[in-house]
């Protein structure tokens, strides 16, 4: 019965920071045994994992995006956040947050496992 919902601006200018929030209900971001993850799907492409945060507060990132990415949490609000800096139009995608049992790099589709938000479209455009 856990539910996740993404929120944030749907349009971001190039070179700016994409910032999204995932609000969690029915579960806690400090619960062990989960990868609290951000994943995206560019138009016409498959899922790409961005990163995740663990119950300890430690964050991990997909190497191609690591230098631009920050994931944090707010335990009081039961939220975790994504910041993706210096965006370009190639960052246009549907962005998902998810609670996963497995590492997000192993996930091939939303039907594989875990609980997912509905996704939010983010467009990077001048």
Protein backbone atom coordinates (compact mmCIF):
# COMPACT_ATOMS: atom_id res chain seq x y z
CA UNK A 1 0.00 0.00 0.00
CA UNK A 2 2.98 2.30 -0.25
CA UNK A 3 2.41 5.19 -2.63
CA UNK A 4 4.89 7.56 -4.19
CA UNK A 5 4.26 10.78 -6.04
CA UNK A 6 6.66 12.99 -7.95
CA UNK A 7 6.33 16.74 -7.98
CA UNK A 8 8.25 19.67 -9.39
CA UNK A 9 8.47 21.89 -12.44
CA UNK A 10 7.72 20.34 -15.80
CA UNK A 11 9.88 22.75 -17.77
CA UNK A 12 13.52 23.56 -17.08
CA UNK A 13 15.89 25.79 -19.02
CA UNK A 14 19.23 24.47 -20.27
CA UNK A 15 22.08 24.88 -17.79
CA UNK A 16 19.65 25.11 -14.88
CA UNK A 17 18.97 22.53 -12.18
CA UNK A 18 16.19 20.01 -12.46
CA UNK A 19 14.70 19.56 -9.00
CA UNK A 20 12.03 17.01 -8.13
CA UNK A 21 10.49 15.73 -4.92
CA UNK A 22 9.09 12.29 -4.20
CA UNK A 23 6.49 12.17 -1.46
CA UNK A 24 6.01 8.76 0.15
CA UNK A 25 2.96 7.48 2.01
CA UNK A 26 2.40 4.06 3.53
CA UNK A 27 6.10 3.55 4.05
CA UNK A 28 9.12 5.28 5.48
CA UNK A 29 12.23 6.46 3.69
CA UNK A 30 14.26 5.28 6.67
CA UNK A 31 13.02 1.71 6.35
CA UNK A 32 15.80 -0.74 5.57
CA UNK A 33 15.92 -3.21 2.66
CA UNK A 34 14.89 -0.77 -0.06
CA UNK A 35 16.48 1.31 -2.74
CA UNK A 36 14.69 4.65 -2.82
CA UNK A 37 15.36 5.42 -6.43
CA UNK A 38 15.11 7.96 -9.20
CA UNK A 39 14.75 6.54 -12.71
CA UNK A 40 14.00 8.25 -15.99
CA UNK A 41 12.80 7.33 -19.46
CA UNK A 42 13.73 9.60 -22.38
CA UNK A 43 11.39 9.67 -25.38
CA UNK A 44 11.70 6.49 -27.40
CA UNK A 45 14.25 4.97 -25.04
CA UNK A 46 14.33 2.56 -22.15
CA UNK A 47 14.62 3.19 -18.46
CA UNK A 48 17.81 4.73 -17.14
CA UNK A 49 18.59 4.72 -13.45
CA UNK A 50 19.78 7.95 -11.96
CA UNK A 51 20.51 7.04 -8.37
CA UNK A 52 19.13 6.01 -5.02
CA UNK A 53 19.29 6.72 -1.34
CA UNK A 54 19.36 4.13 1.41
CA UNK A 55 17.87 4.15 4.91
CA UNK A 56 21.22 5.31 6.25
CA UNK A 57 21.12 8.45 4.14
CA UNK A 58 23.93 7.34 1.85
CA UNK A 59 23.36 8.10 -1.82
CA UNK A 60 24.67 6.35 -4.93
CA UNK A 61 24.57 7.42 -8.56
CA UNK A 62 24.81 6.03 -12.06
CA UNK A 63 28.37 6.90 -13.11
CA UNK A 64 27.48 8.84 -16.30
CA UNK A 65 25.28 11.15 -14.24
CA UNK A 66 27.17 11.13 -10.97
CA UNK A 67 28.91 14.46 -11.35
CA UNK A 68 25.61 16.27 -11.89
CA UNK A 69 23.33 14.45 -9.45
CA UNK A 70 22.37 14.83 -5.82
CA UNK A 71 19.78 12.77 -3.97
CA UNK A 72 18.73 13.64 -0.45
CA UNK A 73 15.89 12.99 1.94
CA UNK A 74 13.71 14.82 4.41
CA UNK A 75 12.67 12.29 7.02
CA UNK A 76 10.22 14.63 8.74
CA UNK A 77 8.27 15.02 5.51
CA UNK A 78 8.90 11.43 4.36
CA UNK A 79 10.29 12.70 1.09
CA UNK A 80 13.35 12.25 -1.02
CA UNK A 81 14.59 14.64 -3.66
CA UNK A 82 16.50 14.78 -6.90
CA UNK A 83 18.73 17.52 -8.20
CA UNK A 84 20.20 17.19 -11.67
CA UNK A 85 22.46 20.09 -12.50
CA UNK A 86 23.51 21.65 -15.79
CA UNK A 87 20.70 20.07 -17.77
CA UNK A 88 20.52 19.90 -21.55
CA UNK A 89 17.67 18.94 -23.89
CA UNK A 90 18.95 15.36 -23.71
CA UNK A 91 17.75 15.27 -20.11
CA UNK A 92 14.15 15.55 -21.29
CA UNK A 93 12.35 12.48 -19.96
CA UNK A 94 9.62 11.12 -17.78
CA UNK A 95 11.09 10.98 -14.29
CA UNK A 96 9.99 8.34 -11.80
CA UNK A 97 10.64 7.75 -8.17
CA UNK A 98 10.39 4.19 -6.91
CA UNK A 99 10.86 1.97 -3.90
CA UNK A 100 12.72 -1.10 -5.11
CA UNK A 101 13.89 -4.33 -3.57
CA UNK A 102 16.67 -4.64 -6.12
CA UNK A 103 19.31 -2.27 -7.38
CA UNK A 104 17.67 0.08 -9.92
CA UNK A 105 20.33 -0.76 -12.47
CA UNK A 106 18.82 -4.22 -12.77
CA UNK A 107 15.29 -2.99 -13.52
CA UNK A 108 14.12 -3.35 -17.11
CA UNK A 109 10.60 -2.03 -16.68
CA UNK A 110 8.14 -0.73 -14.17
CA UNK A 111 6.41 -4.07 -14.06
CA UNK A 112 9.50 -5.84 -12.77
CA UNK A 113 9.20 -5.09 -9.09
CA UNK A 114 8.71 -2.45 -6.48
CA UNK A 115 6.39 0.49 -6.10
CA UNK A 116 6.52 3.39 -8.51
CA UNK A 117 5.19 6.89 -8.75
CA UNK A 118 3.10 7.80 -11.75
CA UNK A 119 5.99 9.66 -13.33
CA UNK A 120 6.31 13.30 -14.23
CA UNK A 121 7.30 14.73 -17.59
CA UNK A 122 10.23 17.13 -17.48
CA UNK A 123 11.15 19.01 -20.62
CA UNK A 124 14.43 20.87 -20.99
CA UNK A 125 13.96 23.60 -23.54
CA UNK A 126 15.26 27.13 -24.17
